[in-house]
Amino acid sequence: MFGKRITIFSGHYGSGKTNVAVNYSKSLKTKYDRVSIYDLDIVNPYFRTVDAQNDLEKAGVELIVSPFAETNVDLPAMSAKSYLMLDKDSGRAVVDLGGDDRGALAMGRFSGRIKEENDYDMLLVLNVFRPETRTVDGIIEIMREIERVAEISFTGIVNNSNLGVETTAETVYNSIDTVNRLCEKTKLDVAFTAVKSGLEIDEKRIRTKILPIELIKYGNWL
């Protein structure tokens, strides 16, 4: 069901969408020859995919990022190479999209062509333990705002619920009820559950695929 040529990850700030996007792109590279990750989070130039550049290069994943990344220039700019994602011959494309009305605005430049090709997933990365996304109604409000500005609809959900370094298996299990109620209300399915590498999870309890996550460190943040 999931696993289209283009996979777009979006979610509220603090959802962990960049970690998910980076780890997902590395997992794709084990299956496909050409994989690129596109950083379209044009509003937040500090905690972004460029922090994982070395890991991505080692994995053979091409990183397309703003020319002002890792500088002191805070401008909402994209690389001209971002348009390569629209080329069917460019391989698998993973997109890290901003999670509010400004950050998601960049997708409007591409959404028409992406919908025309119709080989994409737009996945909401969700951490139910963040203050803004504790309730189903609050999550849906954020989803609809992103969809409105990005001009593209979500097709699935990524459960990335965690408590940082304090995350346990029980933390993941405690997120299931909220995620299931969200799926029921939105008629969307869970694409996968992102779980910190080394954490033992009973797959029968979560009933979704698992993507092991290696955390990216952003300065003093995880």
C-alpha atoms as a PDB file:
ATOM      1  CA  MET A   1       0.000   0.000   0.000  1.00  0.00           C
ATOM      2  CA  PHE A   2       2.737   2.441   0.988  1.00  0.00           C
ATOM      3  CA  GLY A   3       6.117   2.836  -0.700  1.00  0.00           C
ATOM      4  CA  LYS A   4       5.502   5.155  -3.646  1.00  0.00           C
ATOM      5  CA  ARG A   5       8.237   6.881  -5.671  1.00  0.00           C
ATOM      6  CA  ILE A   6       7.849  10.124  -3.705  1.00  0.00           C
ATOM      7  CA  THR A   7       7.377  10.055   0.073  1.00  0.00           C
ATOM      8  CA  ILE A   8       6.650  13.356   1.789  1.00  0.00           C
ATOM      9  CA  PHE A   9       7.016  13.633   5.565  1.00  0.00           C
ATOM     10  CA  SER A  10       5.386  16.476   7.463  1.00  0.00           C
ATOM     11  CA  GLY A  11       4.339  17.060  11.043  1.00  0.00           C
ATOM     12  CA  HIS A  12       4.227  19.599  13.811  1.00  0.00           C
ATOM     13  CA  TYR A  13       7.495  20.948  15.177  1.00  0.00           C
ATOM     14  CA  GLY A  14       9.008  18.416  17.554  1.00  0.00           C
ATOM     15  CA  SER A  15       7.327  15.469  15.836  1.00  0.00           C
ATOM     16  CA  GLY A  16      10.696  14.090  14.727  1.00  0.00           C
ATOM     17  CA  LYS A  17       9.904  14.237  11.030  1.00  0.00           C
ATOM     18  CA  THR A  18      13.510  14.962  10.027  1.00  0.00           C
ATOM     19  CA  ASN A  19      14.810  11.943  11.943  1.00  0.00           C
ATOM     20  CA  VAL A  20      12.130   9.820  10.324  1.00  0.00           C
ATOM     21  CA  ALA A  21      12.827  11.180   6.837  1.00  0.00           C
ATOM     22  CA  VAL A  22      16.578  10.580   7.146  1.00  0.00           C
ATOM     23  CA  ASN A  23      16.217   7.046   8.479  1.00  0.00           C
ATOM     24  CA  TYR A  24      13.552   6.193   5.905  1.00  0.00           C
ATOM     25  CA  SER A  25      15.756   7.401   3.047  1.00  0.00           C
ATOM     26  CA  LYS A  26      18.643   5.259   4.328  1.00  0.00           C
ATOM     27  CA  SER A  27      16.360   2.224   4.498  1.00  0.00           C
ATOM     28  CA  LEU A  28      15.221   2.863   0.904  1.00  0.00           C
ATOM     29  CA  LYS A  29      18.841   2.875  -0.274  1.00  0.00           C
ATOM     30  CA  THR A  30      19.115  -0.793   0.696  1.00  0.00           C
ATOM     31  CA  LYS A  31      16.440  -1.537  -1.941  1.00  0.00           C
ATOM     32  CA  TYR A  32      16.892   1.084  -4.685  1.00  0.00           C
ATOM     33  CA  ASP A  33      19.906   2.381  -6.594  1.00  0.00           C
ATOM     34  CA  ARG A  34      18.945   6.066  -6.590  1.00  0.00           C
ATOM     35  CA  VAL A  35      17.547   7.730  -3.474  1.00  0.00           C
ATOM     36  CA  SER A  36      17.516  11.460  -2.732  1.00  0.00           C
ATOM     37  CA  ILE A  37      16.239  13.396   0.270  1.00  0.00           C
ATOM     38  CA  TYR A  38      14.903  16.911  -0.296  1.00  0.00           C
ATOM     39  CA  ASP A  39      14.834  19.392   2.571  1.00  0.00           C
ATOM     40  CA  LEU A  40      11.855  21.679   1.966  1.00  0.00           C
ATOM     41  CA  ASP A  41      11.620  22.889   5.557  1.00  0.00           C
ATOM     42  CA  ILE A  42      12.571  26.367   4.372  1.00  0.00           C
ATOM     43  CA  VAL A  43      11.637  28.166   7.603  1.00  0.00           C
ATOM     44  CA  ASN A  44      13.815  26.211  10.026  1.00  0.00           C
ATOM     45  CA  PRO A  45      17.423  26.213   8.764  1.00  0.00           C
ATOM     46  CA  TYR A  46      19.085  25.023  11.965  1.00  0.00           C
ATOM     47  CA  PHE A  47      17.735  21.602  12.978  1.00  0.00           C
ATOM     48  CA  ARG A  48      17.481  19.923   9.622  1.00  0.00           C
ATOM     49  CA  THR A  49      18.654  17.150   7.313  1.00  0.00           C
ATOM     50  CA  VAL A  50      22.024  18.793   6.695  1.00  0.00           C
ATOM     51  CA  ASP A  51      22.992  17.727  10.231  1.00  0.00           C
ATOM     52  CA  ALA A  52      22.897  14.143   8.937  1.00  0.00           C
ATOM     53  CA  GLN A  53      24.885  14.874   5.781  1.00  0.00           C
ATOM     54  CA  ASN A  54      27.806  12.587   6.646  1.00  0.00           C
ATOM     55  CA  ASP A  55      25.535   9.651   7.461  1.00  0.00           C
ATOM     56  CA  LEU A  56      23.545  10.191   4.282  1.00  0.00           C
ATOM     57  CA  GLU A  57      26.684  10.318   2.153  1.00  0.00           C
ATOM     58  CA  LYS A  58      27.950   7.073   3.694  1.00  0.00           C
ATOM     59  CA  ALA A  59      24.607   5.452   2.899  1.00  0.00           C
ATOM     60  CA  GLY A  60      24.737   6.728  -0.694  1.00  0.00           C
ATOM     61  CA  VAL A  61      21.720   9.023  -0.314  1.00  0.00           C
ATOM     62  CA  GLU A  62      21.907  12.371  -2.123  1.00  0.00           C
ATOM     63  CA  LEU A  63      20.943  15.377   0.005  1.00  0.00           C
ATOM     64  CA  ILE A  64      19.219  18.331  -1.658  1.00  0.00           C
ATOM     65  CA  VAL A  65      19.134  21.272   0.741  1.00  0.00           C
ATOM     66  CA  SER A  66      18.923  25.064   0.801  1.00  0.00           C
ATOM     67  CA  PRO A  67      22.126  26.811  -0.313  1.00  0.00           C
ATOM     68  CA  PHE A  68      21.976  28.718   2.999  1.00  0.00           C
ATOM     69  CA  ALA A  69      21.978  25.630   5.221  1.00  0.00           C
ATOM     70  CA  GLU A  70      24.731  25.704   7.863  1.00  0.00           C
ATOM     71  CA  THR A  71      25.147  29.461   7.444  1.00  0.00           C
ATOM     72  CA  ASN A  72      23.953  32.424   9.475  1.00  0.00           C
ATOM     73  CA  VAL A  73      21.634  33.468   6.654  1.00  0.00           C
ATOM     74  CA  ASP A  74      17.993  32.822   7.558  1.00  0.00           C
ATOM     75  CA  LEU A  75      16.180  33.013   4.211  1.00  0.00           C
ATOM     76  CA  PRO A  76      13.264  30.877   2.973  1.00  0.00           C
ATOM     77  CA  ALA A  77      15.199  29.542  -0.017  1.00  0.00           C
ATOM     78  CA  MET A  78      15.283  26.196  -1.808  1.00  0.00           C
ATOM     79  CA  SER A  79      17.876  24.594  -4.012  1.00  0.00           C
ATOM     80  CA  ALA A  80      17.084  24.667  -7.726  1.00  0.00           C
ATOM     81  CA  LYS A  81      17.817  20.933  -7.689  1.00  0.00           C
ATOM     82  CA  SER A  82      14.616  20.432  -5.679  1.00  0.00           C
ATOM     83  CA  TYR A  83      12.742  20.238  -8.981  1.00  0.00           C
ATOM     84  CA  LEU A  84      14.554  16.990  -9.760  1.00  0.00           C
ATOM     85  CA  MET A  85      12.044  15.186  -7.551  1.00  0.00           C
ATOM     86  CA  LEU A  86       9.491  15.698 -10.337  1.00  0.00           C
ATOM     87  CA  ASP A  87      11.607  13.692 -12.795  1.00  0.00           C
ATOM     88  CA  LYS A  88      10.456  10.068 -12.828  1.00  0.00           C
ATOM     89  CA  ASP A  89      13.985   9.009 -13.801  1.00  0.00           C
ATOM     90  CA  SER A  90      15.525  10.646 -10.718  1.00  0.00           C
ATOM     91  CA  GLY A  91      14.767   7.625  -8.542  1.00  0.00           C
ATOM     92  CA  ARG A  92      13.126   7.528  -5.140  1.00  0.00           C
ATOM     93  CA  ALA A  93      12.505  10.903  -3.510  1.00  0.00           C
ATOM     94  CA  VAL A  94      12.056  11.547   0.217  1.00  0.00           C
ATOM     95  CA  VAL A  95      10.831  15.012   1.212  1.00  0.00           C
ATOM     96  CA  ASP A  96      11.237  16.672   4.619  1.00  0.00           C
ATOM     97  CA  LEU A  97       8.457  19.270   4.593  1.00  0.00           C
ATOM     98  CA  GLY A  98       7.824  22.033   7.128  1.00  0.00           C
ATOM     99  CA  GLY A  99       5.084  21.491   9.658  1.00  0.00           C
ATOM    100  CA  ASP A 100       3.146  24.762   9.737  1.00  0.00           C
ATOM    101  CA  ASP A 101       1.536  27.155   7.273  1.00  0.00           C
ATOM    102  CA  ARG A 102       4.888  28.798   6.409  1.00  0.00           C
ATOM    103  CA  GLY A 103       7.024  25.678   6.342  1.00  0.00           C
ATOM    104  CA  ALA A 104       4.565  23.720   4.193  1.00  0.00           C
ATOM    105  CA  LEU A 105       4.212  26.552   1.684  1.00  0.00           C
ATOM    106  CA  ALA A 106       7.104  25.238  -0.425  1.00  0.00           C
ATOM    107  CA  MET A 107       5.161  22.141  -1.438  1.00  0.00           C
ATOM    108  CA  GLY A 108       2.684  24.288  -3.368  1.00  0.00           C
ATOM    109  CA  ARG A 109       5.320  24.685  -6.086  1.00  0.00           C
ATOM    110  CA  PHE A 110       5.408  20.934  -6.666  1.00  0.00           C
ATOM    111  CA  SER A 111       2.016  19.585  -5.607  1.00  0.00           C
ATOM    112  CA  GLY A 112       0.328  19.860  -9.007  1.00  0.00           C
ATOM    113  CA  ARG A 113       2.975  17.790 -10.799  1.00  0.00           C
ATOM    114  CA  ILE A 114       3.198  15.321  -7.912  1.00  0.00           C
ATOM    115  CA  LYS A 115      -0.550  14.727  -7.928  1.00  0.00           C
ATOM    116  CA  GLU A 116      -0.501  14.395 -11.713  1.00  0.00           C
ATOM    117  CA  GLU A 117       2.115  11.620 -11.525  1.00  0.00           C
ATOM    118  CA  ASN A 118       0.094  10.047  -8.680  1.00  0.00           C
ATOM    119  CA  ASP A 119       2.979   8.013  -7.291  1.00  0.00           C
ATOM    120  CA  TYR A 120       3.371   9.601  -3.860  1.00  0.00           C
ATOM    121  CA  ASP A 121       2.640   9.254  -0.175  1.00  0.00           C
ATOM    122  CA  MET A 122       2.193  12.228   2.144  1.00  0.00           C
ATOM    123  CA  LEU A 123       2.755  10.958   5.679  1.00  0.00           C
ATOM    124  CA  LEU A 124       1.966  12.755   8.922  1.00  0.00           C
ATOM    125  CA  VAL A 125       4.744  12.175  11.459  1.00  0.00           C
ATOM    126  CA  LEU A 126       3.095  12.139  14.858  1.00  0.00           C
ATOM    127  CA  ASN A 127       4.318  12.224  18.443  1.00  0.00           C
ATOM    128  CA  VAL A 128       1.226  12.072  20.655  1.00  0.00           C
ATOM    129  CA  PHE A 129       3.260  13.138  23.685  1.00  0.00           C
ATOM    130  CA  ARG A 130       3.954  16.608  22.328  1.00  0.00           C
ATOM    131  CA  PRO A 131       1.672  19.313  23.857  1.00  0.00           C
ATOM    132  CA  GLU A 132       0.143  20.387  20.536  1.00  0.00           C
ATOM    133  CA  THR A 133      -0.670  16.856  19.361  1.00  0.00           C
ATOM    134  CA  ARG A 134      -2.079  15.147  22.448  1.00  0.00           C
ATOM    135  CA  THR A 135      -5.680  15.117  21.214  1.00  0.00           C
ATOM    136  CA  VAL A 136      -7.168  13.735  18.019  1.00  0.00           C
ATOM    137  CA  ASP A 137      -8.985  17.001  17.269  1.00  0.00           C
ATOM    138  CA  GLY A 138      -5.772  18.981  17.754  1.00  0.00           C
ATOM    139  CA  ILE A 139      -3.881  16.664  15.426  1.00  0.00           C
ATOM    140  CA  ILE A 140      -6.539  16.923  12.734  1.00  0.00           C
ATOM    141  CA  GLU A 141      -6.501  20.715  12.951  1.00  0.00           C
ATOM    142  CA  ILE A 142      -2.753  20.699  12.267  1.00  0.00           C
ATOM    143  CA  MET A 143      -3.194  18.202   9.432  1.00  0.00           C
ATOM    144  CA  ARG A 144      -5.819  20.294   7.671  1.00  0.00           C
ATOM    145  CA  GLU A 145      -3.710  23.460   7.913  1.00  0.00           C
ATOM    146  CA  ILE A 146      -0.710  21.702   6.365  1.00  0.00           C
ATOM    147  CA  GLU A 147      -2.885  20.213   3.621  1.00  0.00           C
ATOM    148  CA  ARG A 148      -4.440  23.589   2.832  1.00  0.00           C
ATOM    149  CA  VAL A 149      -1.115  25.344   2.367  1.00  0.00           C
ATOM    150  CA  ALA A 150       0.782  22.456   0.769  1.00  0.00           C
ATOM    151  CA  GLU A 151      -2.119  21.818  -1.633  1.00  0.00           C
ATOM    152  CA  ILE A 152      -1.784  18.063  -1.167  1.00  0.00           C
ATOM    153  CA  SER A 153      -3.536  15.640   1.184  1.00  0.00           C
ATOM    154  CA  PHE A 154      -2.108  13.199   3.680  1.00  0.00           C
ATOM    155  CA  THR A 155      -2.292   9.545   2.668  1.00  0.00           C
ATOM    156  CA  GLY A 156      -1.043   7.940   5.868  1.00  0.00           C
ATOM    157  CA  ILE A 157       0.402   8.328   9.354  1.00  0.00           C
ATOM    158  CA  VAL A 158       3.773   7.568  10.941  1.00  0.00           C
ATOM    159  CA  ASN A 159       3.602   6.886  14.655  1.00  0.00           C
ATOM    160  CA  ASN A 160       6.792   8.436  16.037  1.00  0.00           C
ATOM    161  CA  SER A 161       5.519   8.819  19.597  1.00  0.00           C
ATOM    162  CA  ASN A 162       8.398   8.991  22.053  1.00  0.00           C
ATOM    163  CA  LEU A 163       9.757  10.664  25.171  1.00  0.00           C
ATOM    164  CA  GLY A 164      13.285  11.151  23.903  1.00  0.00           C
ATOM    165  CA  VAL A 165      15.937   9.240  25.830  1.00  0.00           C
ATOM    166  CA  GLU A 166      13.295   8.176  28.363  1.00  0.00           C
ATOM    167  CA  THR A 167      11.317   6.230  25.757  1.00  0.00           C
ATOM    168  CA  THR A 168      10.458   2.645  26.670  1.00  0.00           C
ATOM    169  CA  ALA A 169       8.414  -0.022  24.941  1.00  0.00           C
ATOM    170  CA  GLU A 170       5.499   0.961  27.173  1.00  0.00           C
ATOM    171  CA  THR A 171       5.762   4.518  25.833  1.00  0.00           C
ATOM    172  CA  VAL A 172       5.114   3.213  22.336  1.00  0.00           C
ATOM    173  CA  TYR A 173       2.239   0.994  23.490  1.00  0.00           C
ATOM    174  CA  ASN A 174       0.622   3.934  25.307  1.00  0.00           C
ATOM    175  CA  SER A 175       0.410   5.860  22.033  1.00  0.00           C
ATOM    176  CA  ILE A 176      -1.594   3.220  20.199  1.00  0.00           C
ATOM    177  CA  ASP A 177      -5.065   4.241  21.403  1.00  0.00           C
ATOM    178  CA  THR A 178      -4.710   7.865  20.242  1.00  0.00           C
ATOM    179  CA  VAL A 179      -3.204   6.819  16.919  1.00  0.00           C
ATOM    180  CA  ASN A 180      -5.986   4.292  16.323  1.00  0.00           C
ATOM    181  CA  ARG A 181      -8.665   6.892  17.065  1.00  0.00           C
ATOM    182  CA  LEU A 182      -6.968   9.287  14.648  1.00  0.00           C
ATOM    183  CA  CYS A 183      -6.937   6.603  11.945  1.00  0.00           C
ATOM    184  CA  GLU A 184     -10.604   5.893  12.523  1.00  0.00           C
ATOM    185  CA  LYS A 185     -11.558   9.555  12.284  1.00  0.00           C
ATOM    186  CA  THR A 186      -9.410  10.389   9.250  1.00  0.00           C
ATOM    187  CA  LYS A 187      -9.806   7.029   7.435  1.00  0.00           C
ATOM    188  CA  LEU A 188      -6.020   6.835   7.102  1.00  0.00           C
ATOM    189  CA  ASP A 189      -3.733   3.900   7.911  1.00  0.00           C
ATOM    190  CA  VAL A 190      -0.419   3.801   9.769  1.00  0.00           C
ATOM    191  CA  ALA A 191       2.426   3.400   7.276  1.00  0.00           C
ATOM    192  CA  PHE A 192       4.842   2.339  10.013  1.00  0.00           C
ATOM    193  CA  THR A 193       5.859   2.939  13.619  1.00  0.00           C
ATOM    194  CA  ALA A 194       9.245   4.574  14.131  1.00  0.00           C
ATOM    195  CA  VAL A 195      11.081   3.024  17.073  1.00  0.00           C
ATOM    196  CA  LYS A 196      14.480   3.841  18.537  1.00  0.00           C
ATOM    197  CA  SER A 197      17.006   1.221  17.475  1.00  0.00           C
ATOM    198  CA  GLY A 198      17.558  -1.391  20.167  1.00  0.00           C
ATOM    199  CA  LEU A 199      14.146  -0.951  21.761  1.00  0.00           C
ATOM    200  CA  GLU A 200      12.366  -4.297  21.897  1.00  0.00           C
ATOM    201  CA  ILE A 201       8.783  -3.981  20.688  1.00  0.00           C
ATOM    202  CA  ASP A 202       6.087  -6.642  20.443  1.00  0.00           C
ATOM    203  CA  GLU A 203       4.923  -6.226  16.838  1.00  0.00           C
ATOM    204  CA  LYS A 204       1.709  -8.088  17.606  1.00  0.00           C
ATOM    205  CA  ARG A 205       0.715  -5.294  19.982  1.00  0.00           C
ATOM    206  CA  ILE A 206       1.343  -2.398  17.615  1.00  0.00           C
ATOM    207  CA  ARG A 207       0.170  -4.231  14.465  1.00  0.00           C
ATOM    208  CA  THR A 208       2.229  -2.095  12.101  1.00  0.00           C
ATOM    209  CA  LYS A 209       5.576  -2.286  10.372  1.00  0.00           C
ATOM    210  CA  ILE A 210       8.529  -0.951  12.364  1.00  0.00           C
ATOM    211  CA  LEU A 211      11.221   1.439  11.140  1.00  0.00           C
ATOM    212  CA  PRO A 212      14.268   1.401  13.473  1.00  0.00           C
ATOM    213  CA  ILE A 213      15.424   4.956  14.140  1.00  0.00           C
ATOM    214  CA  GLU A 214      18.971   6.146  14.785  1.00  0.00           C
ATOM    215  CA  LEU A 215      18.672   9.548  16.427  1.00  0.00           C
ATOM    216  CA  ILE A 216      20.340  12.521  14.783  1.00  0.00           C
ATOM    217  CA  LYS A 217      21.957  14.933  17.203  1.00  0.00           C
ATOM    218  CA  TYR A 218      21.387  18.636  16.512  1.00  0.00           C
ATOM    219  CA  GLY A 219      23.851  20.479  18.716  1.00  0.00           C
ATOM    220  CA  ASN A 220      22.490  19.840  22.205  1.00  0.00           C
ATOM    221  CA  TRP A 221      19.166  18.503  20.927  1.00  0.00           C
ATOM    222  CA  LEU A 222      18.041  15.060  19.854  1.00  0.00           C
END
